[in-house]
Amino acid sequence: MSENTNDQKPLLSDIEVVRRIFTHIDNATTDLGKQSWQEPTDNYRSKERLESELKILQSRSIVFCPSSAIAKIGDYIARDVASVPLIVVRGLDGVARAFRNACRHRGVQLANGHGCTRALVCPYHGWAYSLDGSLRNIPHEQGFPDVDKATRGLVEVACFESNGLIFINQNPRADIEQDIACIPNLIPDNTRLLNSSSQIVNANWKLYLESSLEGYHIRQTHKSTFFPVQYDNLTVVEAFGQNSRVAFPYQSIEGLRGKEQADMSVDGRLTYVYHLFPNVVISTFPGCMQVNVLEPIDESTTRQHTYLVSGICESETVLLNGVTEGQNFAAKGAIEDLEIVLSAQQGLASKANEYLEFGLFESAIVRLHTHLAKEFERVSKAKEQM
C-alpha cells in the first residue's frame, strides 16, 4: 500500500544523498515533509488501541530477524511476535521456516530463546518434530491410535527470506515476496551475526520508535555525544512503499567534497536509518548494521530485539575493534534517547496534551502514523466483512 505514486521512486544513490546533504549544509536547510500531524495521546495509552495494533502486526509481512541470526542448519529463534509465540528454524535443506510455537499434543512451547538443534522436542512428553515441522516421533505411540502423524505437524506460518532478512506473516496464505517488493537489498550476503540482545523498555512502542526517525533533537538531547560529530536538524528523508529511509550525516562528510564518484564511500560519513513499517528499524554504522525489532507487550511496555551484523571477518581484529568502539559510542547516545522516551511516557500521565505534535522536520514519523491510520481502516473493514 502506498501513500502516492511518488513512494515507488527508487531510493537515491549515495552520491545523490551526499549532494543533497551538501546543499542543506550550504543553505542551512533540511528535508521537509508535506504535512504535519497531531497524534492523540489516547492512542499511546489505550489498551483497545494496542489490541488493534497487534492485529495489524499479526496480519502483515514483517521482519523477524536477519538471516545471519539463524545461519546454520538447525539454528532457531523462538519468541513472541505480536503476542503470538512463534519459532523460526533453518531446515536440513537450508530453508528458513516459521511455526506456531506449540506442541500438537498439549500445546506446550517447544523452545525459548535461540539455539541449534537436530529436532524440536516438546519438554513435556517428548513429542518430536523434524526441522521441517513434521511430527517425527510420539513416545509410546500405541497410546494414541487416533493420531495421524502425517497431519499433526507443527502449524506453519508464512516465511520468506530476502535482502538478508527473514520475513514472516501469520497468515499462512500471505504472499510475502509481493508484500516486500519495494524493500531494497539491505544486508549483504556475506554478513555474519556479531551479537544479539533483548531488553524491556518501559514505554509505548511508538514513542520509542519515533526517537529514531528525526534529527530535530540532536543538539538538545545529544550535546556531548552525537551533536559534536553530526548535524542538528539536518536529514535526508525518503519514502519507499510504507517505509522510510532517513540519512543522518556526520560532519566528516565534508571530506567528500570534490571527490570523484568512484572514490566516494559514505561508510563512516553518515548513518542510514531504514524504518520498515511498522515496527522495525535497520541502521547502518561504520563496519556494521543494527536490526531492531520492537515488540509491543502492553500499552506502556516494549521488548526490543537487537541484532548486530557485519561483513568483517573474525580474523580482522583491528576492524572489529573499531566496530566495538563505534558501538560503545552509539550506545551512549541510545541511553540518552531512552531517557527522553521514558520521560515522554511519564509525560502521558500528566494529561497535559490532548495530542502529540509532529512537524515538517519529522516527516518519517508522520508517515508512520499516516500508514497506521490506513491500516486501522483496512483491519476494521476486514472485520466488518467477516
Protein backbone atom coordinates (compact mmCIF):
# COMPACT_ATOMS: atom_id res chain seq x y z
CA MET A 1 0.00 0.00 0.00
CA SER A 2 1.43 3.38 -0.98
CA GLU A 3 0.67 6.92 0.06
CA ASN A 4 1.11 8.15 -3.50
CA THR A 5 2.84 7.17 -6.69
CA ASN A 6 5.99 9.06 -5.67
CA ASP A 7 6.52 6.43 -2.96
CA GLN A 8 7.56 4.00 -5.71
CA LYS A 9 10.56 6.04 -6.85
CA PRO A 10 13.86 4.24 -6.21
CA LEU A 11 15.94 5.39 -3.28
CA LEU A 12 18.61 7.96 -4.04
CA SER A 13 22.12 6.72 -4.70
CA ASP A 14 24.79 7.51 -2.13
CA ILE A 15 26.22 10.29 -4.29
CA GLU A 16 22.75 11.84 -4.73
CA VAL A 17 22.23 11.76 -0.96
CA VAL A 18 25.63 13.39 -0.40
CA ARG A 19 24.85 16.14 -2.91
CA ARG A 20 21.54 16.86 -1.19
CA ILE A 21 23.30 16.97 2.18
CA PHE A 22 25.85 19.46 0.84
CA THR A 23 23.01 21.65 -0.43
CA HIS A 24 21.44 21.58 3.04
CA ILE A 25 24.76 22.36 4.74
CA ASP A 26 25.42 25.28 2.40
CA ASN A 27 21.92 26.71 2.79
CA ALA A 28 21.22 25.84 6.44
CA THR A 29 18.19 23.78 5.37
CA THR A 30 16.89 20.22 5.75
CA ASP A 31 14.33 17.96 4.07
CA LEU A 32 10.76 18.99 4.87
CA GLY A 33 7.61 16.90 4.77
CA LYS A 34 4.40 17.95 3.07
CA GLN A 35 2.22 17.85 6.18
CA SER A 36 2.31 17.95 9.95
CA TRP A 37 0.45 15.51 12.20
CA GLN A 38 -1.37 15.53 15.51
CA GLU A 39 -1.48 12.09 17.13
CA PRO A 40 -3.97 11.79 20.03
CA THR A 41 -2.21 10.86 23.27
CA ASP A 42 -5.01 8.37 23.95
CA ASN A 43 -3.52 6.31 21.10
CA TYR A 44 -0.43 5.73 23.26
CA ARG A 45 -2.39 4.86 26.42
CA SER A 46 -5.33 2.80 25.21
CA LYS A 47 -5.47 -0.98 25.66
CA GLU A 48 -8.04 -1.15 22.86
CA ARG A 49 -5.73 0.75 20.54
CA LEU A 50 -2.87 -1.62 21.32
CA GLU A 51 -5.08 -4.62 20.53
CA SER A 52 -5.77 -3.09 17.13
CA GLU A 53 -2.05 -2.50 16.58
CA LEU A 54 -1.29 -6.13 17.45
CA LYS A 55 -3.89 -7.25 14.90
CA ILE A 56 -2.08 -5.14 12.30
CA LEU A 57 1.24 -6.77 13.18
CA GLN A 58 -0.37 -10.21 13.07
CA SER A 59 -1.74 -9.58 9.58
CA ARG A 60 1.35 -8.07 7.92
CA SER A 61 4.59 -9.30 6.41
CA ILE A 62 7.22 -8.10 8.89
CA VAL A 63 10.89 -8.68 9.68
CA PHE A 64 11.54 -11.43 12.20
CA CYS A 65 15.37 -11.35 12.24
CA PRO A 66 18.39 -11.04 9.94
CA SER A 67 19.28 -14.20 8.01
CA SER A 68 22.64 -14.43 9.78
CA ALA A 69 20.86 -14.90 13.13
CA ILE A 70 19.98 -18.44 12.01
CA ALA A 71 22.87 -19.07 9.64
CA LYS A 72 23.39 -22.81 10.22
CA ILE A 73 21.10 -25.80 9.78
CA GLY A 74 19.16 -26.32 13.00
CA ASP A 75 19.57 -22.74 14.21
CA TYR A 76 16.34 -21.40 15.65
CA ILE A 77 14.85 -18.36 17.37
CA ALA A 78 11.70 -18.70 19.47
CA ARG A 79 9.93 -15.57 20.66
CA ASP A 80 6.60 -13.78 20.68
CA VAL A 81 5.51 -11.81 17.63
CA ALA A 82 2.57 -9.51 18.34
CA SER A 83 1.81 -11.60 21.44
CA VAL A 84 1.85 -14.88 19.46
CA PRO A 85 4.61 -17.44 20.26
CA LEU A 86 6.48 -18.35 17.07
CA ILE A 87 9.63 -20.28 16.24
CA VAL A 88 11.75 -19.78 13.12
CA VAL A 89 14.23 -22.54 12.26
CA ARG A 90 16.60 -23.33 9.40
CA GLY A 91 15.87 -26.77 7.97
CA LEU A 92 18.13 -29.50 6.64
CA ASP A 93 17.53 -28.09 3.17
CA GLY A 94 18.76 -24.67 4.26
CA VAL A 95 15.27 -23.14 4.07
CA ALA A 96 14.04 -20.95 6.92
CA ARG A 97 10.54 -21.87 8.15
CA ALA A 98 8.25 -20.38 10.78
CA PHE A 99 5.80 -22.25 13.01
CA ARG A 100 3.45 -21.52 15.84
CA ASN A 101 5.44 -22.46 18.90
CA ALA A 102 3.09 -25.06 20.36
CA CYS A 103 3.24 -28.85 20.54
CA ARG A 104 0.30 -30.56 18.80
CA HIS A 105 -0.23 -32.77 21.86
CA ARG A 106 -0.91 -30.39 24.77
CA GLY A 107 0.22 -27.03 23.38
CA VAL A 108 3.46 -26.63 25.34
CA GLN A 109 6.07 -24.36 23.74
CA LEU A 110 8.85 -26.34 22.12
CA ALA A 111 11.66 -23.87 22.74
CA ASN A 112 12.52 -20.45 24.13
CA GLY A 113 15.20 -18.01 23.08
CA HIS A 114 17.71 -19.22 20.50
CA GLY A 115 19.89 -22.23 19.88
CA CYS A 116 20.71 -25.03 17.48
CA THR A 117 19.01 -28.42 17.38
CA ARG A 118 18.52 -31.51 15.23
CA ALA A 119 14.84 -31.76 16.14
CA LEU A 120 12.21 -29.77 18.02
CA VAL A 121 11.28 -31.85 21.05
CA CYS A 122 8.48 -30.97 23.45
CA PRO A 123 9.82 -30.73 27.03
CA TYR A 124 6.53 -32.10 28.45
CA HIS A 125 6.06 -35.55 26.87
CA GLY A 126 8.79 -35.70 24.25
CA TRP A 127 6.79 -35.41 21.04
CA ALA A 128 9.48 -34.72 18.43
CA TYR A 129 9.26 -32.71 15.23
CA SER A 130 11.67 -32.57 12.31
CA LEU A 131 13.13 -29.21 11.32
CA ASP A 132 10.52 -29.02 8.55
CA GLY A 133 7.78 -29.18 11.19
CA SER A 134 6.61 -32.72 10.51
CA LEU A 135 5.74 -34.89 13.52
CA ARG A 136 8.53 -37.46 13.70
CA ASN A 137 8.05 -39.37 16.93
CA ILE A 138 5.44 -39.93 19.65
CA PRO A 139 6.76 -41.75 22.72
CA HIS A 140 4.58 -44.79 23.45
CA GLU A 141 2.75 -44.17 20.19
CA GLN A 142 0.36 -47.06 20.82
CA GLY A 143 -1.44 -44.85 23.33
CA PHE A 144 -2.59 -42.50 20.54
CA PRO A 145 -4.33 -44.75 18.00
CA ASP A 146 -6.36 -41.86 16.54
CA VAL A 147 -3.40 -39.54 15.86
CA ASP A 148 -2.27 -39.40 12.24
CA LYS A 149 1.31 -38.14 12.39
CA ALA A 150 1.14 -37.03 8.76
CA THR A 151 -1.49 -34.42 9.63
CA ARG A 152 -0.25 -33.34 13.06
CA GLY A 153 2.91 -31.45 12.23
CA LEU A 154 3.60 -28.00 13.62
CA VAL A 155 1.29 -25.25 12.37
CA GLU A 156 3.25 -23.30 9.79
CA VAL A 157 3.03 -19.58 9.12
CA ALA A 158 4.30 -17.82 6.01
CA CYS A 159 8.06 -17.24 5.93
CA PHE A 160 10.30 -15.77 3.24
CA GLU A 161 13.99 -14.91 3.14
CA SER A 162 15.19 -11.95 1.11
CA ASN A 163 17.55 -8.97 1.31
CA GLY A 164 19.49 -10.57 4.18
CA LEU A 165 16.33 -10.68 6.27
CA ILE A 166 13.75 -13.25 7.31
CA PHE A 167 10.16 -12.07 7.00
CA ILE A 168 7.11 -13.75 8.47
CA ASN A 169 3.36 -13.31 8.10
CA GLN A 170 0.95 -15.08 10.43
CA ASN A 171 -1.46 -15.56 7.55
CA PRO A 172 -0.17 -18.83 6.00
CA ARG A 173 -1.55 -17.79 2.59
CA ALA A 174 0.25 -14.44 2.52
CA ASP A 175 2.42 -13.55 -0.46
CA ILE A 176 5.39 -12.10 1.42
CA GLU A 177 7.50 -11.76 -1.72
CA GLN A 178 4.95 -9.40 -3.23
CA ASP A 179 4.45 -7.54 0.05
CA ILE A 180 8.16 -6.67 0.35
CA ALA A 181 8.85 -5.99 -3.33
CA CYS A 182 9.73 -2.33 -2.64
CA ILE A 183 12.35 -3.13 0.03
CA PRO A 184 15.92 -2.81 -1.30
CA ASN A 185 18.73 -5.27 -0.70
CA LEU A 186 19.64 -4.04 2.77
CA ILE A 187 22.02 -6.63 4.22
CA PRO A 188 24.80 -8.12 2.04
CA ASP A 189 25.06 -11.90 1.76
CA ASN A 190 28.50 -12.04 3.41
CA THR A 191 27.39 -10.62 6.75
CA ARG A 192 27.55 -12.59 9.97
CA LEU A 193 25.93 -12.09 13.34
CA LEU A 194 28.23 -10.35 15.81
CA ASN A 195 25.80 -10.39 18.73
CA SER A 196 22.15 -10.23 19.67
CA SER A 197 20.33 -8.98 22.73
CA SER A 198 16.89 -8.21 24.11
CA GLN A 199 15.72 -5.55 26.53
CA ILE A 200 12.50 -4.32 28.09
CA VAL A 201 11.66 -0.64 27.56
CA ASN A 202 9.01 0.80 29.85
CA ALA A 203 7.38 2.90 27.16
CA ASN A 204 4.89 2.60 24.33
CA TRP A 205 6.50 1.10 21.23
CA LYS A 206 5.61 4.11 19.07
CA LEU A 207 7.23 6.60 21.45
CA TYR A 208 10.40 4.52 21.31
CA LEU A 209 10.30 4.16 17.53
CA GLU A 210 9.73 7.87 16.97
CA SER A 211 13.03 8.74 18.65
CA SER A 212 14.90 7.04 15.77
CA LEU A 213 13.21 8.86 12.92
CA GLU A 214 14.19 12.53 13.17
CA GLY A 215 17.27 14.70 13.68
CA TYR A 216 15.44 17.67 15.17
CA HIS A 217 16.57 16.62 18.68
CA ILE A 218 20.28 16.06 18.00
CA ARG A 219 21.62 19.28 19.56
CA GLN A 220 19.36 19.29 22.60
CA THR A 221 19.38 15.60 23.52
CA HIS A 222 22.90 14.59 22.45
CA LYS A 223 25.00 17.61 23.48
CA SER A 224 28.18 15.65 24.17
CA THR A 225 27.64 12.53 22.02
CA PHE A 226 26.06 12.78 18.57
CA PHE A 227 25.89 16.57 18.20
CA PRO A 228 29.65 17.19 18.15
CA VAL A 229 30.05 14.72 15.26
CA GLN A 230 26.71 15.12 13.44
CA TYR A 231 24.42 17.99 12.49
CA ASP A 232 21.37 19.30 14.29
CA ASN A 233 18.15 19.06 12.30
CA LEU A 234 19.77 18.07 9.01
CA THR A 235 18.45 14.90 7.42
CA VAL A 236 17.52 13.49 4.02
CA VAL A 237 14.21 11.63 4.23
CA GLU A 238 12.91 9.26 1.54
CA ALA A 239 9.86 7.03 1.21
CA PHE A 240 9.60 3.56 -0.30
CA GLY A 241 6.21 1.93 -0.02
CA GLN A 242 5.03 2.42 3.55
CA ASN A 243 8.64 2.60 4.69
CA SER A 244 11.13 5.42 5.20
CA ARG A 245 14.87 5.97 4.97
CA VAL A 246 16.43 8.80 6.98
CA ALA A 247 20.05 9.81 6.34
CA PHE A 248 21.89 11.36 9.31
CA PRO A 249 25.19 12.89 8.06
CA TYR A 250 28.35 13.12 10.15
CA GLN A 251 30.43 16.28 9.93
CA SER A 252 33.16 14.13 8.38
CA ILE A 253 31.05 14.08 5.22
CA GLU A 254 32.80 17.34 4.34
CA GLY A 255 35.76 15.15 3.38
CA LEU A 256 33.78 14.01 0.31
CA ARG A 257 33.60 17.49 -1.27
CA GLY A 258 35.37 17.40 -4.60
CA LYS A 259 35.72 13.62 -4.61
CA GLU A 260 35.11 11.67 -7.79
CA GLN A 261 32.11 9.34 -7.64
CA ALA A 262 34.36 6.28 -7.89
CA ASP A 263 36.25 7.38 -4.78
CA MET A 264 33.16 8.20 -2.75
CA SER A 265 32.10 5.98 0.17
CA VAL A 266 29.58 7.05 2.80
CA ASP A 267 30.70 4.39 5.29
CA GLY A 268 31.67 6.35 8.40
CA ARG A 269 30.26 9.55 6.85
CA LEU A 270 26.55 9.07 7.54
CA THR A 271 24.06 6.72 9.12
CA TYR A 272 21.09 5.44 7.16
CA VAL A 273 18.07 4.56 9.29
CA TYR A 274 15.57 2.36 7.46
CA HIS A 275 12.13 2.21 9.03
CA LEU A 276 10.41 -0.94 7.77
CA PHE A 277 6.78 -0.28 8.64
CA PRO A 278 5.53 -0.73 11.20
CA ASN A 279 7.97 -1.89 13.91
CA VAL A 280 11.49 -2.48 12.56
CA VAL A 281 14.47 -0.13 12.34
CA ILE A 282 17.68 -1.05 10.50
CA SER A 283 20.62 1.33 10.96
CA THR A 284 23.99 1.46 9.23
CA PHE A 285 27.11 2.18 11.26
CA PRO A 286 30.80 2.06 10.33
CA GLY A 287 31.55 -1.59 9.57
CA CYS A 288 28.21 -2.97 10.74
CA MET A 289 24.41 -2.81 10.65
CA GLN A 290 21.95 -2.99 13.51
CA VAL A 291 18.49 -4.56 13.21
CA ASN A 292 16.00 -3.54 15.91
CA VAL A 293 12.62 -5.27 16.15
CA LEU A 294 10.13 -3.63 18.53
CA GLU A 295 7.54 -5.96 20.04
CA PRO A 296 4.68 -4.28 21.94
CA ILE A 297 3.96 -6.09 25.21
CA ASP A 298 1.31 -3.74 26.54
CA GLU A 299 0.42 -0.10 26.01
CA SER A 300 3.38 1.07 28.14
CA THR A 301 5.93 -1.74 27.67
CA THR A 302 8.03 -2.78 24.68
CA ARG A 303 10.56 -5.54 24.14
CA GLN A 304 13.39 -4.61 21.79
CA HIS A 305 15.25 -7.39 19.98
CA THR A 306 18.61 -6.18 18.63
CA TYR A 307 20.85 -7.95 16.11
CA LEU A 308 24.27 -6.59 15.13
CA VAL A 309 25.63 -7.90 11.82
CA SER A 310 28.86 -7.23 9.93
CA GLY A 311 30.78 -8.33 6.86
CA ILE A 312 34.09 -8.11 8.75
CA CYS A 313 35.86 -11.45 9.21
CA GLU A 314 36.74 -12.78 12.66
CA SER A 315 40.44 -12.51 11.81
CA GLU A 316 40.22 -8.75 11.11
CA THR A 317 40.63 -7.78 14.75
CA VAL A 318 41.59 -4.15 14.14
CA LEU A 319 38.41 -3.52 12.14
CA LEU A 320 36.32 -5.41 14.68
CA ASN A 321 37.80 -3.32 17.49
CA GLY A 322 36.73 -0.25 15.53
CA VAL A 323 33.18 -1.62 15.33
CA THR A 324 33.17 -2.22 19.09
CA GLU A 325 34.43 1.30 19.75
CA GLY A 326 31.78 2.76 17.46
CA GLN A 327 29.00 0.72 19.05
CA ASN A 328 30.08 1.79 22.53
CA PHE A 329 29.81 5.40 21.40
CA ALA A 330 26.41 4.81 19.78
CA ALA A 331 25.21 3.11 22.97
CA LYS A 332 25.80 6.34 24.91
CA GLY A 333 23.51 8.19 22.53
CA ALA A 334 20.94 5.39 22.74
CA ILE A 335 20.86 5.77 26.53
CA GLU A 336 20.14 9.48 26.09
CA ASP A 337 17.31 8.68 23.69
CA LEU A 338 15.92 6.11 26.11
CA GLU A 339 15.89 8.62 28.97
CA ILE A 340 13.89 11.04 26.81
CA VAL A 341 11.45 8.32 25.74
CA LEU A 342 10.86 7.24 29.35
CA SER A 343 10.26 10.88 30.25
CA ALA A 344 7.75 11.19 27.38
CA GLN A 345 5.99 8.06 28.64
CA GLN A 346 5.69 9.62 32.09
CA GLY A 347 4.50 12.81 30.46
CA LEU A 348 1.50 10.98 29.05
CA ALA A 349 0.27 10.50 32.62
CA SER A 350 0.20 14.28 33.15
CA LYS A 351 -2.67 14.53 30.63
CA ALA A 352 -1.31 17.94 29.65
CA ASN A 353 -1.58 17.17 25.96
CA GLU A 354 -4.57 16.02 24.00
CA TYR A 355 -2.23 15.08 21.17
CA LEU A 356 1.46 14.96 20.29
CA GLU A 357 2.62 17.37 17.60
CA PHE A 358 4.82 16.30 14.69
CA GLY A 359 6.12 18.98 12.33
CA LEU A 360 7.59 19.17 8.84
CA PHE A 361 11.05 18.18 10.16
CA GLU A 362 9.54 14.88 11.38
CA SER A 363 8.10 13.55 8.16
CA ALA A 364 9.16 9.91 8.73
CA ILE A 365 7.11 9.92 11.94
CA VAL A 366 4.18 11.48 10.08
CA ARG A 367 4.44 8.59 7.60
CA LEU A 368 4.34 6.09 10.46
CA HIS A 369 1.09 7.49 11.81
CA THR A 370 -0.43 8.10 8.38
CA HIS A 371 0.02 4.47 7.40
CA LEU A 372 -1.03 3.16 10.81
CA ALA A 373 -4.30 5.06 10.34
CA LYS A 374 -4.74 3.44 6.91
CA GLU A 375 -4.01 0.01 8.38
CA PHE A 376 -6.62 0.54 11.12
CA GLU A 377 -9.13 1.33 8.41
CA ARG A 378 -8.16 -1.80 6.46
CA VAL A 379 -8.39 -4.09 9.50
CA SER A 380 -11.69 -2.51 10.52
CA LYS A 381 -13.21 -3.11 7.08
CA ALA A 382 -11.98 -6.68 7.05
CA LYS A 383 -13.60 -7.25 10.45
CA GLU A 384 -16.90 -5.84 9.23
CA GLN A 385 -16.89 -8.21 6.26
CA MET A 386 -16.39 -11.29 8.43
